[in-house]
Amino acid sequence: DYQVLVTDLANGQTEEVRERHRLRYLFAPELKRCLRTAGFETMQLNEWISGAEPSDKTWNIMVVGRAAAGRA
């Protein structure tokens, strides 16, 4: 949950903005299935920045996909 106070420098008025960000982990098999379901094939799935193979200790990954043959 986020609470942000935004102050208008022109008039000094402050507005409160509240946001709720619901998150969950996505695992490699889920990401690959999502791509496949959307008509893409997985080209690359690596740790963010290092490019290493993701492990159970990986927090951030990047996924590259392309339209599957016949779906372009």
PDB file of N, CA and C in Angstrom:
ATOM      1  N   ASP A   1       0.847  -1.174   0.000  1.00  0.00           N
ATOM      2  CA  ASP A   1       0.000   0.000   0.000  1.00  0.00           C
ATOM      3  C   ASP A   1       0.890   1.234   0.000  1.00  0.00           C
ATOM      4  N   TYR A   2       0.505   2.211  -0.815  1.00  0.00           N
ATOM      5  CA  TYR A   2       1.277   3.434  -0.932  1.00  0.00           C
ATOM      6  C   TYR A   2       0.418   4.629  -0.553  1.00  0.00           C
ATOM      7  N   GLN A   3       1.024   5.558   0.153  1.00  0.00           N
ATOM      8  CA  GLN A   3       0.394   6.834   0.459  1.00  0.00           C
ATOM      9  C   GLN A   3       1.368   7.904  -0.020  1.00  0.00           C
ATOM     10  N   VAL A   4       0.920   8.749  -0.943  1.00  0.00           N
ATOM     11  CA  VAL A   4       1.766   9.784  -1.524  1.00  0.00           C
ATOM     12  C   VAL A   4       1.124  11.134  -1.258  1.00  0.00           C
ATOM     13  N   LEU A   5       1.914  12.068  -0.785  1.00  0.00           N
ATOM     14  CA  LEU A   5       1.442  13.435  -0.600  1.00  0.00           C
ATOM     15  C   LEU A   5       2.020  14.277  -1.724  1.00  0.00           C
ATOM     16  N   VAL A   6       1.140  14.917  -2.492  1.00  0.00           N
ATOM     17  CA  VAL A   6       1.544  15.719  -3.645  1.00  0.00           C
ATOM     18  C   VAL A   6       1.229  17.173  -3.322  1.00  0.00           C
ATOM     19  N   THR A   7       2.259  18.019  -3.345  1.00  0.00           N
ATOM     20  CA  THR A   7       2.069  19.436  -3.040  1.00  0.00           C
ATOM     21  C   THR A   7       2.221  20.266  -4.302  1.00  0.00           C
ATOM     22  N   ASP A   8       1.214  21.081  -4.582  1.00  0.00           N
ATOM     23  CA  ASP A   8       1.247  22.013  -5.709  1.00  0.00           C
ATOM     24  C   ASP A   8       2.103  23.198  -5.279  1.00  0.00           C
ATOM     25  N   LEU A   9       3.257  23.376  -5.913  1.00  0.00           N
ATOM     26  CA  LEU A   9       4.172  24.439  -5.516  1.00  0.00           C
ATOM     27  C   LEU A   9       3.612  25.827  -5.801  1.00  0.00           C
ATOM     28  N   ALA A  10       2.677  25.920  -6.732  1.00  0.00           N
ATOM     29  CA  ALA A  10       2.106  27.224  -7.081  1.00  0.00           C
ATOM     30  C   ALA A  10       1.185  27.757  -5.984  1.00  0.00           C
ATOM     31  N   ASN A  11       0.402  26.858  -5.361  1.00  0.00           N
ATOM     32  CA  ASN A  11      -0.564  27.347  -4.371  1.00  0.00           C
ATOM     33  C   ASN A  11      -0.391  26.713  -2.983  1.00  0.00           C
ATOM     34  N   GLY A  12       0.549  25.793  -2.840  1.00  0.00           N
ATOM     35  CA  GLY A  12       0.826  25.194  -1.547  1.00  0.00           C
ATOM     36  C   GLY A  12      -0.160  24.126  -1.100  1.00  0.00           C
ATOM     37  N   GLN A  13      -1.172  23.834  -1.915  1.00  0.00           N
ATOM     38  CA  GLN A  13      -2.154  22.818  -1.543  1.00  0.00           C
ATOM     39  C   GLN A  13      -1.548  21.421  -1.667  1.00  0.00           C
ATOM     40  N   THR A  14      -1.886  20.581  -0.700  1.00  0.00           N
ATOM     41  CA  THR A  14      -1.389  19.207  -0.696  1.00  0.00           C
ATOM     42  C   THR A  14      -2.555  18.250  -0.883  1.00  0.00           C
ATOM     43  N   GLU A  15      -2.343  17.266  -1.737  1.00  0.00           N
ATOM     44  CA  GLU A  15      -3.349  16.237  -2.007  1.00  0.00           C
ATOM     45  C   GLU A  15      -2.760  14.886  -1.620  1.00  0.00           C
ATOM     46  N   GLU A  16      -3.561  14.065  -0.983  1.00  0.00           N
ATOM     47  CA  GLU A  16      -3.139  12.715  -0.622  1.00  0.00           C
ATOM     48  C   GLU A  16      -3.640  11.728  -1.661  1.00  0.00           C
ATOM     49  N   VAL A  17      -2.734  10.892  -2.134  1.00  0.00           N
ATOM     50  CA  VAL A  17      -3.089   9.848  -3.096  1.00  0.00           C
ATOM     51  C   VAL A  17      -2.745   8.510  -2.455  1.00  0.00           C
ATOM     52  N   ARG A  18      -3.697   7.599  -2.449  1.00  0.00           N
ATOM     53  CA  ARG A  18      -3.456   6.241  -1.912  1.00  0.00           C
ATOM     54  C   ARG A  18      -3.602   5.234  -3.048  1.00  0.00           C
ATOM     55  N   GLU A  19      -2.686   4.289  -3.077  1.00  0.00           N
ATOM     56  CA  GLU A  19      -2.714   3.245  -4.100  1.00  0.00           C
ATOM     57  C   GLU A  19      -2.427   1.902  -3.448  1.00  0.00           C
ATOM     58  N   ARG A  20      -3.045   0.875  -3.974  1.00  0.00           N
ATOM     59  CA  ARG A  20      -2.752  -0.491  -3.546  1.00  0.00           C
ATOM     60  C   ARG A  20      -2.204  -1.229  -4.762  1.00  0.00           C
ATOM     61  N   HIS A  21      -1.031  -1.784  -4.618  1.00  0.00           N
ATOM     62  CA  HIS A  21      -0.404  -2.556  -5.683  1.00  0.00           C
ATOM     63  C   HIS A  21      -0.406  -4.018  -5.262  1.00  0.00           C
ATOM     64  N   ARG A  22      -1.191  -4.815  -5.943  1.00  0.00           N
ATOM     65  CA  ARG A  22      -1.236  -6.252  -5.643  1.00  0.00           C
ATOM     66  C   ARG A  22      -0.243  -6.959  -6.557  1.00  0.00           C
ATOM     67  N   LEU A  23       0.635  -7.712  -5.962  1.00  0.00           N
ATOM     68  CA  LEU A  23       1.696  -8.380  -6.702  1.00  0.00           C
ATOM     69  C   LEU A  23       1.745  -9.856  -6.334  1.00  0.00           C
ATOM     70  N   ARG A  24       2.308 -10.631  -7.226  1.00  0.00           N
ATOM     71  CA  ARG A  24       2.625 -12.021  -6.913  1.00  0.00           C
ATOM     72  C   ARG A  24       3.772 -12.449  -7.802  1.00  0.00           C
ATOM     73  N   TYR A  25       4.451 -13.490  -7.398  1.00  0.00           N
ATOM     74  CA  TYR A  25       5.554 -14.017  -8.184  1.00  0.00           C
ATOM     75  C   TYR A  25       5.008 -14.783  -9.384  1.00  0.00           C
ATOM     76  N   LEU A  26       5.710 -14.687 -10.491  1.00  0.00           N
ATOM     77  CA  LEU A  26       5.456 -15.536 -11.649  1.00  0.00           C
ATOM     78  C   LEU A  26       6.710 -16.372 -11.861  1.00  0.00           C
ATOM     79  N   PHE A  27       6.520 -17.648 -12.036  1.00  0.00           N
ATOM     80  CA  PHE A  27       7.644 -18.548 -12.226  1.00  0.00           C
ATOM     81  C   PHE A  27       7.833 -18.840 -13.709  1.00  0.00           C
ATOM     82  N   ALA A  28       9.033 -19.275 -14.072  1.00  0.00           N
ATOM     83  CA  ALA A  28       9.393 -19.490 -15.474  1.00  0.00           C
ATOM     84  C   ALA A  28       8.361 -20.320 -16.240  1.00  0.00           C
ATOM     85  N   PRO A  29       7.890 -21.452 -15.711  1.00  0.00           N
ATOM     86  CA  PRO A  29       6.901 -22.228 -16.467  1.00  0.00           C
ATOM     87  C   PRO A  29       5.607 -21.436 -16.728  1.00  0.00           C
ATOM     88  N   GLU A  30       5.196 -20.613 -15.764  1.00  0.00           N
ATOM     89  CA  GLU A  30       3.998 -19.786 -15.957  1.00  0.00           C
ATOM     90  C   GLU A  30       4.214 -18.751 -17.047  1.00  0.00           C
ATOM     91  N   LEU A  31       5.380 -18.093 -17.017  1.00  0.00           N
ATOM     92  CA  LEU A  31       5.677 -17.077 -18.026  1.00  0.00           C
ATOM     93  C   LEU A  31       5.710 -17.686 -19.426  1.00  0.00           C
ATOM     94  N   LYS A  32       6.334 -18.845 -19.550  1.00  0.00           N
ATOM     95  CA  LYS A  32       6.405 -19.524 -20.849  1.00  0.00           C
ATOM     96  C   LYS A  32       5.005 -19.910 -21.326  1.00  0.00           C
ATOM     97  N   ARG A  33       4.172 -20.398 -20.400  1.00  0.00           N
ATOM     98  CA  ARG A  33       2.801 -20.773 -20.761  1.00  0.00           C
ATOM     99  C   ARG A  33       1.996 -19.549 -21.193  1.00  0.00           C
ATOM    100  N   CYS A  34       2.164 -18.446 -20.488  1.00  0.00           N
ATOM    101  CA  CYS A  34       1.461 -17.203 -20.867  1.00  0.00           C
ATOM    102  C   CYS A  34       1.859 -16.765 -22.273  1.00  0.00           C
ATOM    103  N   LEU A  35       3.144 -16.808 -22.559  1.00  0.00           N
ATOM    104  CA  LEU A  35       3.601 -16.444 -23.908  1.00  0.00           C
ATOM    105  C   LEU A  35       3.002 -17.378 -24.949  1.00  0.00           C
ATOM    106  N   ARG A  36       3.074 -18.685 -24.688  1.00  0.00           N
ATOM    107  CA  ARG A  36       2.550 -19.682 -25.632  1.00  0.00           C
ATOM    108  C   ARG A  36       1.060 -19.466 -25.872  1.00  0.00           C
ATOM    109  N   THR A  37       0.307 -19.224 -24.799  1.00  0.00           N
ATOM    110  CA  THR A  37      -1.133 -18.998 -24.904  1.00  0.00           C
ATOM    111  C   THR A  37      -1.441 -17.768 -25.739  1.00  0.00           C
ATOM    112  N   ALA A  38      -0.563 -16.761 -25.662  1.00  0.00           N
ATOM    113  CA  ALA A  38      -0.756 -15.522 -26.424  1.00  0.00           C
ATOM    114  C   ALA A  38      -0.197 -15.618 -27.838  1.00  0.00           C
ATOM    115  N   GLY A  39       0.320 -16.789 -28.217  1.00  0.00           N
ATOM    116  CA  GLY A  39       0.819 -16.986 -29.574  1.00  0.00           C
ATOM    117  C   GLY A  39       2.277 -16.615 -29.763  1.00  0.00           C
ATOM    118  N   PHE A  40       3.049 -16.635 -28.684  1.00  0.00           N
ATOM    119  CA  PHE A  40       4.472 -16.312 -28.763  1.00  0.00           C
ATOM    120  C   PHE A  40       5.307 -17.511 -28.371  1.00  0.00           C
ATOM    121  N   GLU A  41       6.541 -17.514 -28.832  1.00  0.00           N
ATOM    122  CA  GLU A  41       7.493 -18.510 -28.371  1.00  0.00           C
ATOM    123  C   GLU A  41       8.551 -17.801 -27.539  1.00  0.00           C
ATOM    124  N   THR A  42       9.055 -18.478 -26.525  1.00  0.00           N
ATOM    125  CA  THR A  42      10.070 -17.905 -25.645  1.00  0.00           C
ATOM    126  C   THR A  42      11.415 -17.973 -26.344  1.00  0.00           C
ATOM    127  N   MET A  43      12.029 -16.820 -26.504  1.00  0.00           N
ATOM    128  CA  MET A  43      13.352 -16.747 -27.111  1.00  0.00           C
ATOM    129  C   MET A  43      14.448 -16.730 -26.041  1.00  0.00           C
ATOM    130  N   GLN A  44      14.159 -16.056 -24.938  1.00  0.00           N
ATOM    131  CA  GLN A  44      15.154 -15.877 -23.894  1.00  0.00           C
ATOM    132  C   GLN A  44      14.446 -15.697 -22.560  1.00  0.00           C
ATOM    133  N   LEU A  45      14.982 -16.290 -21.512  1.00  0.00           N
ATOM    134  CA  LEU A  45      14.479 -16.106 -20.163  1.00  0.00           C
ATOM    135  C   LEU A  45      15.691 -16.182 -19.253  1.00  0.00           C
ATOM    136  N   ASN A  46      16.143 -15.021 -18.774  1.00  0.00           N
ATOM    137  CA  ASN A  46      17.383 -14.940 -18.008  1.00  0.00           C
ATOM    138  C   ASN A  46      17.216 -14.025 -16.803  1.00  0.00           C
ATOM    139  N   GLU A  47      18.193 -14.131 -15.879  1.00  0.00           N
ATOM    140  CA  GLU A  47      18.238 -13.168 -14.789  1.00  0.00           C
ATOM    141  C   GLU A  47      18.451 -11.776 -15.373  1.00  0.00           C
ATOM    142  N   TRP A  48      17.764 -10.811 -14.783  1.00  0.00           N
ATOM    143  CA  TRP A  48      17.926  -9.417 -15.189  1.00  0.00           C
ATOM    144  C   TRP A  48      19.362  -8.989 -14.889  1.00  0.00           C
ATOM    145  N   ILE A  49      19.941  -8.256 -15.779  1.00  0.00           N
ATOM    146  CA  ILE A  49      21.291  -7.691 -15.727  1.00  0.00           C
ATOM    147  C   ILE A  49      22.371  -8.742 -15.972  1.00  0.00           C
ATOM    148  N   SER A  50      22.444  -9.804 -15.153  1.00  0.00           N
ATOM    149  CA  SER A  50      23.560 -10.757 -15.283  1.00  0.00           C
ATOM    150  C   SER A  50      23.407 -11.650 -16.508  1.00  0.00           C
ATOM    151  N   GLY A  51      22.160 -11.932 -16.921  1.00  0.00           N
ATOM    152  CA  GLY A  51      21.927 -12.835 -18.044  1.00  0.00           C
ATOM    153  C   GLY A  51      22.070 -14.301 -17.674  1.00  0.00           C
ATOM    154  N   ALA A  52      22.308 -14.585 -16.393  1.00  0.00           N
ATOM    155  CA  ALA A  52      22.495 -15.967 -15.944  1.00  0.00           C
ATOM    156  C   ALA A  52      21.170 -16.725 -15.979  1.00  0.00           C
ATOM    157  N   GLU A  53      21.278 -18.033 -15.906  1.00  0.00           N
ATOM    158  CA  GLU A  53      20.101 -18.904 -15.819  1.00  0.00           C
ATOM    159  C   GLU A  53      19.387 -18.609 -14.492  1.00  0.00           C
ATOM    160  N   PRO A  54      18.067 -18.378 -14.507  1.00  0.00           N
ATOM    161  CA  PRO A  54      17.355 -18.111 -13.256  1.00  0.00           C
ATOM    162  C   PRO A  54      17.431 -19.301 -12.301  1.00  0.00           C
ATOM    163  N   SER A  55      17.477 -19.000 -11.009  1.00  0.00           N
ATOM    164  CA  SER A  55      17.494 -20.044  -9.981  1.00  0.00           C
ATOM    165  C   SER A  55      16.411 -19.728  -8.954  1.00  0.00           C
ATOM    166  N   ASP A  56      16.323 -20.546  -7.917  1.00  0.00           N
ATOM    167  CA  ASP A  56      15.326 -20.292  -6.874  1.00  0.00           C
ATOM    168  C   ASP A  56      15.696 -19.076  -6.024  1.00  0.00           C
ATOM    169  N   LYS A  57      16.849 -18.485  -6.255  1.00  0.00           N
ATOM    170  CA  LYS A  57      17.277 -17.278  -5.542  1.00  0.00           C
ATOM    171  C   LYS A  57      17.117 -16.023  -6.408  1.00  0.00           C
ATOM    172  N   THR A  58      16.646 -16.172  -7.644  1.00  0.00           N
ATOM    173  CA  THR A  58      16.506 -15.051  -8.572  1.00  0.00           C
ATOM    174  C   THR A  58      15.269 -14.224  -8.236  1.00  0.00           C
ATOM    175  N   TRP A  59      15.437 -12.898  -8.161  1.00  0.00           N
ATOM    176  CA  TRP A  59      14.317 -11.994  -7.887  1.00  0.00           C
ATOM    177  C   TRP A  59      13.794 -11.324  -9.146  1.00  0.00           C
ATOM    178  N   ASN A  60      14.662 -11.053 -10.114  1.00  0.00           N
ATOM    179  CA  ASN A  60      14.257 -10.325 -11.319  1.00  0.00           C
ATOM    180  C   ASN A  60      14.728 -11.073 -12.554  1.00  0.00           C
ATOM    181  N   ILE A  61      13.815 -11.230 -13.505  1.00  0.00           N
ATOM    182  CA  ILE A  61      14.202 -11.853 -14.769  1.00  0.00           C
ATOM    183  C   ILE A  61      13.704 -11.008 -15.922  1.00  0.00           C
ATOM    184  N   MET A  62      14.217 -11.314 -17.084  1.00  0.00           N
ATOM    185  CA  MET A  62      13.704 -10.707 -18.305  1.00  0.00           C
ATOM    186  C   MET A  62      13.310 -11.827 -19.254  1.00  0.00           C
ATOM    187  N   VAL A  63      12.252 -11.577 -20.004  1.00  0.00           N
ATOM    188  CA  VAL A  63      11.747 -12.570 -20.942  1.00  0.00           C
ATOM    189  C   VAL A  63      11.633 -11.919 -22.304  1.00  0.00           C
ATOM    190  N   VAL A  64      12.112 -12.611 -23.318  1.00  0.00           N
ATOM    191  CA  VAL A  64      11.995 -12.139 -24.701  1.00  0.00           C
ATOM    192  C   VAL A  64      11.202 -13.184 -25.463  1.00  0.00           C
ATOM    193  N   GLY A  65      10.189 -12.740 -26.173  1.00  0.00           N
ATOM    194  CA  GLY A  65       9.397 -13.651 -26.979  1.00  0.00           C
ATOM    195  C   GLY A  65       9.188 -13.092 -28.368  1.00  0.00           C
ATOM    196  N   ARG A  66       8.769 -13.939 -29.272  1.00  0.00           N
ATOM    197  CA  ARG A  66       8.417 -13.485 -30.621  1.00  0.00           C
ATOM    198  C   ARG A  66       7.198 -14.259 -31.079  1.00  0.00           C
ATOM    199  N   ALA A  67       6.496 -13.661 -32.008  1.00  0.00           N
ATOM    200  CA  ALA A  67       5.283 -14.299 -32.529  1.00  0.00           C
ATOM    201  C   ALA A  67       5.644 -15.688 -33.061  1.00  0.00           C
ATOM    202  N   ALA A  68       4.878 -16.673 -32.657  1.00  0.00           N
ATOM    203  CA  ALA A  68       5.130 -18.041 -33.099  1.00  0.00           C
ATOM    204  C   ALA A  68       4.873 -18.144 -34.602  1.00  0.00           C
ATOM    205  N   ALA A  69       5.514 -19.090 -35.236  1.00  0.00           N
ATOM    206  CA  ALA A  69       5.345 -19.291 -36.680  1.00  0.00           C
ATOM    207  C   ALA A  69       3.876 -19.399 -37.016  1.00  0.00           C
ATOM    208  N   GLY A  70       3.455 -18.691 -38.055  1.00  0.00           N
ATOM    209  CA  GLY A  70       2.065 -18.725 -38.475  1.00  0.00           C
ATOM    210  C   GLY A  70       1.173 -17.780 -37.712  1.00  0.00           C
ATOM    211  N   ARG A  71       1.729 -17.017 -36.746  1.00  0.00           N
ATOM    212  CA  ARG A  71       0.926 -16.100 -35.933  1.00  0.00           C
ATOM    213  C   ARG A  71       1.302 -14.644 -36.184  1.00  0.00           C
ATOM    214  N   ALA A  72       2.246 -14.395 -37.049  1.00  0.00           N
ATOM    215  CA  ALA A  72       2.723 -13.016 -37.277  1.00  0.00           C
ATOM    216  C   ALA A  72       1.683 -12.201 -38.018  1.00  0.00           C
TER     217      ALA A  72
END
